[in-house]
Structures are given as C-alpha cells and as structure tokens.
Amino acid sequence: MARIGFRMLTIAWTVALFTCSAAAQPQGKVVPAALNQTPLDQPIQWMETAKTNYGAVKDYTCYLSSQESVNGKLLEKSVILLKMKTEPFSVHMRWIEPKKSEVQEVVFVQGKNNNKMRVKSNLFGPKLLGFMSIDVNDPRVVQHSRHTILEAGIGNMIDQCLAQWQKDRGLGKTDVSLKDFMIGTRACHRVELTRTQKNPNFYCHRTVIYLDKESKMPFRLENYDWPTPGGAVGGELLEQFSYSNIIWNKGLKDADFNK
C-alpha cells in the first residue's frame, strides 16, 4: 500500500507540474520580440522596393542633368541624352549642354572593345575628330568627373545608396528627414540624410534624394561636402544627378551602342 500511495503521489505531482507549465504558456500566436528600429529603416525599405522594380528594366532613355565638384572646383552643369541597357551593361551618352561640349559622345559596352570606352570629345585635344578607345580609368576622364562610366545610371544609384545607407544604419550617426514632395507634377518622397560626425565610411556629409512615390525609383540625387568655416551651412555641393523624361524598356538594340 505504501508503494501504491507513493506512485499515486508522484503521478499527482507530475500532473500538477504539467498543468502549471501549460497554464504559463501564452495563449494564441507567439509574437517575436521587435527588432531594434532606426530612422533609416523606411528609406532602406523604399530603396529595396526600387531595386526590385528595377529588376524588370531592360533598357531606358532619358535626359541626365549633372554637376560635379572635382578637385575642389564646381564644374559647369551638363545636360546629356542618355541611353542605357542592362544586359550587357551598355551606356551611350551624348552631350547637349554646355555648348562647348556638344560634340562630346561616350559609348561603353561591358565585355566589348576590351572593356574600353569609345569617346569623341574636344576635351582630349582639338585634333580629335572621330572616336577613340579610352580606358574607363583614364586620368583625362577622372579630371572631369568624380565617377567612372561603370557607375553610371539609375541602377547603380540604387545599389550605391543601399550600400551606403546600410553602413549609415550600422554606425548610428545619421539624422534622417522624410517629406512628401512635388517636383512639377511628380509626387515623390524627399529623403535627407545628414551625417553628424566625420567617418571614413561616409561618402559625404549630407545626401538629398527624391524617390518616385509609386515605384520608389530614385530620379534626383544631391550630395554635399562637410561644412567649412564661412561656407554653406549644409555643406557645398559635391554632385547632383537628375534624370528626366525617362522612357523604360524602349527596346534598345545593340546597334544603339555601336561606335
């Protein structure tokens, strides 16, 4: 009888422990703890959406307005008729402004012409009448731009912003301002990022970028240098790139990039 009583008591304890354990479990779906949120989460999410949408792009044409500061000097604004194809990565630029650059034309196709550009420009000498092959990192090119042709286009803008913003989020030294904005008749998100202290991982002090509200595609980017005593409060302009009259998937052919 003692053994039987002991076994019954053990069973009763086991049932009681199980009942208490079950009662302690939360009812319904278990919700995981929230991840740490940062002000950059929303801009990064928008840019990831832009990257997804850009995946459907095979080619496009547009006008590119650009202005860059090179070696401490802000160059004249350029207006360029731009054609791009994603596979293979192909670029055709023809300058419209300034007037002195009207003759200038650059073509690049990844994997063709030993990965060199075909260039027609009076910047390389008055005797140059036709196209010549030039390396993408030729010193004469980087004297007139902060970037190589390998960085051209909206797809590269998306990738570069995502990479930089991920660094910004990790460092936690970036203030973020988000606004709804209208440029002409285009509704967009205006994203302004201001880095609060210098760091080798930051490309610039301040970035302002405009994203199409529906597709989240970026179409205008401004980067500003670190402020200096007596200079502009938000920093002097480092570069600006603005894409307009964009026609997606126009059906460009390889012949559009033959020079």
Protein backbone atom coordinates (compact mmCIF):
# COMPACT_ATOMS: atom_id res chain seq x y z
CA MET A 1 0.00 0.00 0.00
CA ALA A 2 2.89 2.35 0.75
CA ARG A 3 4.31 1.78 -2.74
CA ILE A 4 0.95 2.37 -4.33
CA GLY A 5 0.50 5.58 -2.34
CA PHE A 6 3.95 6.82 -3.35
CA ARG A 7 3.24 6.13 -7.04
CA MET A 8 -0.11 7.94 -6.83
CA LEU A 9 1.56 10.93 -5.17
CA THR A 10 4.26 11.03 -7.89
CA ILE A 11 1.62 10.95 -10.61
CA ALA A 12 -0.29 13.74 -8.89
CA TRP A 13 2.86 15.90 -8.73
CA THR A 14 3.59 15.25 -12.41
CA VAL A 15 0.05 16.20 -13.43
CA ALA A 16 0.20 19.34 -11.29
CA LEU A 17 3.56 20.42 -12.79
CA PHE A 18 2.34 19.83 -16.34
CA THR A 19 -0.87 21.77 -15.64
CA CYS A 20 1.03 24.73 -14.21
CA SER A 21 3.51 24.69 -17.11
CA ALA A 22 0.72 24.63 -19.67
CA ALA A 23 -1.10 27.44 -17.91
CA ALA A 24 2.04 29.56 -18.03
CA GLN A 25 2.26 29.37 -21.85
CA PRO A 26 0.87 32.42 -23.71
CA GLN A 27 -2.42 31.84 -25.47
CA GLY A 28 -2.63 32.18 -29.25
CA LYS A 29 0.24 33.08 -31.64
CA VAL A 30 3.63 33.74 -30.09
CA VAL A 31 4.84 37.21 -31.19
CA PRO A 32 8.65 37.56 -31.53
CA ALA A 33 10.39 40.47 -29.85
CA ALA A 34 10.53 43.58 -32.02
CA LEU A 35 13.82 44.27 -33.75
CA ASN A 36 15.63 47.50 -32.99
CA GLN A 37 14.18 50.13 -35.28
CA THR A 38 16.14 53.04 -36.74
CA PRO A 39 15.14 56.13 -38.76
CA LEU A 40 16.89 54.59 -41.78
CA ASP A 41 14.62 51.54 -41.91
CA GLN A 42 11.98 53.29 -44.04
CA PRO A 43 14.39 54.77 -46.64
CA ILE A 44 16.16 51.43 -46.94
CA GLN A 45 12.84 49.65 -47.42
CA TRP A 46 11.88 52.13 -50.15
CA MET A 47 15.20 51.65 -51.91
CA GLU A 48 14.88 47.86 -51.71
CA THR A 49 11.50 48.24 -53.43
CA ALA A 50 13.19 50.37 -56.10
CA LYS A 51 15.79 47.64 -56.60
CA THR A 52 13.05 45.04 -57.04
CA ASN A 53 11.23 47.23 -59.58
CA TYR A 54 14.47 48.00 -61.42
CA GLY A 55 14.86 44.24 -61.92
CA ALA A 56 12.17 44.48 -64.62
CA VAL A 57 14.12 47.13 -66.55
CA LYS A 58 15.84 46.00 -69.73
CA ASP A 59 16.73 49.45 -71.05
CA TYR A 60 15.76 53.10 -70.84
CA THR A 61 16.39 56.53 -72.35
CA CYS A 62 16.31 59.87 -70.54
CA TYR A 63 17.93 63.25 -70.08
CA LEU A 64 20.60 63.43 -67.41
CA SER A 65 21.42 66.76 -65.79
CA SER A 66 24.62 66.59 -63.79
CA GLN A 67 27.04 68.87 -61.98
CA GLU A 68 30.11 67.79 -60.02
CA SER A 69 32.85 69.28 -57.91
CA VAL A 70 36.23 67.89 -58.99
CA ASN A 71 39.46 68.77 -57.19
CA GLY A 72 37.64 71.44 -55.22
CA LYS A 73 36.12 73.16 -58.26
CA LEU A 74 32.42 73.05 -59.14
CA LEU A 75 32.21 72.33 -62.86
CA GLU A 76 29.57 73.60 -65.27
CA LYS A 77 26.25 71.79 -65.36
CA SER A 78 25.92 69.25 -68.17
CA VAL A 79 22.79 68.01 -69.90
CA ILE A 80 23.20 64.61 -71.54
CA LEU A 81 20.98 62.43 -73.69
CA LEU A 82 21.43 59.04 -72.02
CA LYS A 83 20.68 55.56 -73.33
CA MET A 84 21.23 52.51 -71.13
CA LYS A 85 20.80 48.77 -71.46
CA THR A 86 21.10 46.39 -68.51
CA GLU A 87 22.31 43.22 -70.31
CA PRO A 88 25.06 43.58 -71.21
CA PHE A 89 25.64 46.78 -69.23
CA SER A 90 25.66 49.39 -72.01
CA VAL A 91 25.87 53.19 -71.89
CA HIS A 92 25.58 55.83 -74.60
CA MET A 93 25.97 59.49 -73.61
CA ARG A 94 25.64 62.45 -75.95
CA TRP A 95 26.18 65.94 -74.51
CA ILE A 96 23.63 68.66 -75.24
CA GLU A 97 24.93 71.31 -72.81
CA PRO A 98 27.17 73.21 -72.26
CA LYS A 99 27.64 74.35 -75.84
CA LYS A 100 31.40 73.72 -75.77
CA SER A 101 30.68 70.02 -75.14
CA GLU A 102 28.07 69.50 -77.85
CA VAL A 103 30.49 67.35 -79.85
CA GLN A 104 31.14 65.04 -76.92
CA GLU A 105 29.89 61.46 -77.04
CA VAL A 106 30.78 58.37 -74.99
CA VAL A 107 29.82 54.74 -75.55
CA PHE A 108 30.61 51.75 -73.35
CA VAL A 109 29.51 48.11 -73.58
CA GLN A 110 30.61 45.66 -70.89
CA GLY A 111 32.77 42.93 -72.41
CA LYS A 112 33.27 44.72 -75.73
CA ASN A 113 36.29 46.64 -77.06
CA ASN A 114 38.47 45.22 -74.26
CA ASN A 115 36.14 46.95 -71.80
CA LYS A 116 37.26 50.36 -73.05
CA MET A 117 35.06 53.32 -73.87
CA ARG A 118 34.60 54.77 -77.31
CA VAL A 119 34.96 58.52 -76.87
CA LYS A 120 34.57 61.57 -79.10
CA SER A 121 35.48 64.78 -77.31
CA ASN A 122 37.28 68.07 -77.80
CA LEU A 123 38.42 67.80 -74.16
CA PHE A 124 41.16 65.44 -75.27
CA GLY A 125 42.62 67.73 -77.91
CA PRO A 126 41.42 69.90 -80.82
CA LYS A 127 42.67 67.41 -83.41
CA LEU A 128 40.34 64.64 -82.25
CA LEU A 129 37.60 64.40 -84.86
CA GLY A 130 36.30 60.84 -84.52
CA PHE A 131 36.01 58.19 -81.84
CA MET A 132 38.95 56.76 -79.94
CA SER A 133 39.23 53.95 -77.39
CA ILE A 134 39.98 55.07 -73.83
CA ASP A 135 40.28 53.15 -70.58
CA VAL A 136 37.44 53.74 -68.12
CA ASN A 137 40.01 54.97 -65.53
CA ASP A 138 41.98 57.16 -67.92
CA PRO A 139 43.35 60.21 -65.99
CA ARG A 140 41.81 62.55 -68.58
CA VAL A 141 38.39 61.18 -67.66
CA VAL A 142 38.67 61.47 -63.88
CA GLN A 143 39.72 65.11 -64.27
CA HIS A 144 36.17 65.84 -65.37
CA SER A 145 34.10 63.56 -63.13
CA ARG A 146 34.04 62.02 -59.66
CA HIS A 147 32.86 58.71 -61.14
CA THR A 148 33.67 56.30 -63.95
CA ILE A 149 31.18 55.17 -66.57
CA LEU A 150 30.88 51.88 -64.68
CA GLU A 151 28.92 53.81 -62.03
CA ALA A 152 26.50 55.46 -64.47
CA GLY A 153 22.75 55.13 -64.37
CA ILE A 154 19.79 54.65 -62.07
CA GLY A 155 20.58 51.01 -61.27
CA ASN A 156 23.99 51.99 -59.92
CA MET A 157 22.43 54.84 -57.95
CA ILE A 158 20.12 52.35 -56.23
CA ASP A 159 22.96 49.94 -55.38
CA GLN A 160 25.27 52.70 -54.14
CA CYS A 161 22.60 54.24 -51.92
CA LEU A 162 21.65 50.88 -50.42
CA ALA A 163 25.28 50.06 -49.63
CA GLN A 164 25.91 53.48 -48.04
CA TRP A 165 22.65 53.54 -46.08
CA GLN A 166 23.35 50.11 -44.62
CA LYS A 167 26.66 51.50 -43.33
CA ASP A 168 24.86 54.59 -42.01
CA ARG A 169 22.38 52.44 -40.11
CA GLY A 170 25.13 50.36 -38.54
CA LEU A 171 27.11 53.40 -37.40
CA GLY A 172 24.11 55.23 -35.94
CA LYS A 173 25.49 58.70 -36.75
CA THR A 174 22.93 59.82 -39.35
CA ASP A 175 19.91 62.09 -38.90
CA VAL A 176 17.00 61.36 -41.26
CA SER A 177 14.29 63.67 -42.59
CA LEU A 178 11.42 62.30 -44.72
CA LYS A 179 8.92 64.53 -46.54
CA ASP A 180 6.29 64.17 -49.22
CA PHE A 181 7.29 66.43 -52.08
CA MET A 182 6.19 67.55 -55.53
CA ILE A 183 8.60 68.18 -58.39
CA GLY A 184 6.46 69.55 -61.18
CA THR A 185 3.55 67.13 -61.36
CA ARG A 186 5.53 64.21 -59.92
CA ALA A 187 4.70 63.13 -56.37
CA CYS A 188 7.76 61.85 -54.55
CA HIS A 189 9.43 61.15 -51.24
CA ARG A 190 12.22 63.55 -50.30
CA VAL A 191 14.83 61.75 -48.19
CA GLU A 192 17.53 63.82 -46.48
CA LEU A 193 20.38 62.14 -44.59
CA THR A 194 22.80 64.20 -42.51
CA ARG A 195 25.88 62.55 -41.01
CA THR A 196 26.61 64.09 -37.63
CA GLN A 197 30.34 63.36 -37.50
CA LYS A 198 33.07 62.54 -40.00
CA ASN A 199 33.86 58.89 -40.60
CA PRO A 200 35.82 57.14 -43.39
CA ASN A 201 32.69 55.07 -44.08
CA PHE A 202 30.70 58.19 -45.02
CA TYR A 203 30.89 59.36 -48.64
CA CYS A 204 29.65 62.84 -47.78
CA HIS A 205 28.10 64.98 -45.07
CA ARG A 206 24.59 65.30 -46.47
CA THR A 207 22.52 63.48 -49.06
CA VAL A 208 19.19 64.56 -50.53
CA ILE A 209 17.43 62.10 -52.80
CA TYR A 210 14.00 62.12 -54.44
CA LEU A 211 12.09 58.86 -54.98
CA ASP A 212 9.06 58.43 -57.20
CA LYS A 213 6.22 57.87 -54.74
CA GLU A 214 4.69 54.96 -56.64
CA SER A 215 7.70 52.97 -57.87
CA LYS A 216 10.24 54.29 -55.30
CA MET A 217 12.72 54.71 -58.18
CA PRO A 218 15.25 57.49 -57.49
CA PHE A 219 15.37 60.24 -60.09
CA ARG A 220 17.38 63.01 -58.41
CA LEU A 221 20.37 62.84 -56.07
CA GLU A 222 22.34 65.62 -54.37
CA ASN A 223 25.44 65.07 -52.22
CA TYR A 224 27.03 67.82 -50.12
CA ASP A 225 30.51 68.12 -48.60
CA TRP A 226 31.27 68.73 -44.93
CA PRO A 227 30.65 72.35 -43.89
CA THR A 228 33.65 74.63 -43.55
CA PRO A 229 34.00 77.97 -41.71
CA GLY A 230 32.40 80.68 -43.83
CA GLY A 231 30.94 78.14 -46.26
CA ALA A 232 27.38 76.96 -46.89
CA VAL A 233 25.55 75.84 -43.74
CA GLY A 234 24.63 72.44 -45.18
CA GLY A 235 27.92 71.98 -47.00
CA GLU A 236 28.96 72.87 -50.54
CA LEU A 237 27.55 70.82 -53.41
CA LEU A 238 29.70 67.81 -54.29
CA GLU A 239 27.48 66.48 -57.06
CA GLN A 240 23.96 66.33 -58.35
CA PHE A 241 22.37 63.95 -60.85
CA SER A 242 18.84 64.38 -62.13
CA TYR A 243 17.04 62.03 -64.55
CA SER A 244 14.03 63.31 -66.52
CA ASN A 245 11.81 62.21 -69.43
CA ILE A 246 12.58 58.59 -68.62
CA ILE A 247 11.22 56.00 -71.08
CA TRP A 248 11.52 52.50 -69.64
CA ASN A 249 12.00 49.39 -71.80
CA LYS A 250 12.04 51.27 -75.07
CA GLY A 251 13.55 48.29 -76.89
CA LEU A 252 17.09 49.50 -77.48
CA LYS A 253 19.26 47.34 -79.72
CA ASP A 254 22.98 46.54 -79.72
CA ALA A 255 23.24 48.87 -82.72
CA ASP A 256 22.34 51.80 -80.44
CA PHE A 257 25.73 51.28 -78.74
CA ASN A 258 27.93 50.71 -81.78
CA LYS A 259 30.55 53.39 -82.39
